[in-house]
Amino acid sequence: MKRLILITLSLLALATTAFAGSATPFPADWKSWTSMNTTLTGIGALPDCSADVSKLPPIYQKTVETYCSVKPGGPGKVSVLVKPSVGGDYASRSGKFADGSNMILHLKDMKVLFVTGHKGGKDVYGVFTEDGKDITAASGGLAAETCATCHSGYQAFCKGGQCGTKK
């Protein structure tokens, strides 16, 4: 019995370190969100992992590196979705959003949603499958901390969790 308890606790510890959990809720209505036209969506997909991105701005280089760590070869087609009620905030690029999940980078071929949310004026992150399974990892390309590091590390390009340039 003690052995069974120890095995169970060990497996629980492993599961906890493998998946950390999202800091923002899964947006169950994500399919009704507004699809945004951005530089990234204009391209239609993230570059293949073998592409030479050395001449692109550092944030694009880091983005390709991060998403290639999620899926070797590259994640493929993408879309950017915004919760309809925050469309004005998104367009203004003020960095101010209501609490809750507000923006999604949808990796279509992988069927994965990288969700940017806000809590008390701070940006928070989570990673989900299209059907809502939280796959936010403790480390690596699927970790909320990886999202936060990139989204806060390029302040000229990212504000309030929103990265890109104003069109």
Foldseek 3Di string as FASTA:
>chain_A
DVVVVVVVVVVVVVVCQFAVFFPAADDLVQVPFDWDDAPCVVVFFQDFLVDPCVPPPPLSVLVQVQQCQVPPRGLTGWIKTFHVVCPVVLLVLPLFDDFHWTMWIQSPSVQKTWTWGDDPSAITTFIAHVNGHTSATNDGSSHRVSLVCSQPVCVVAHGNSDGHDRD
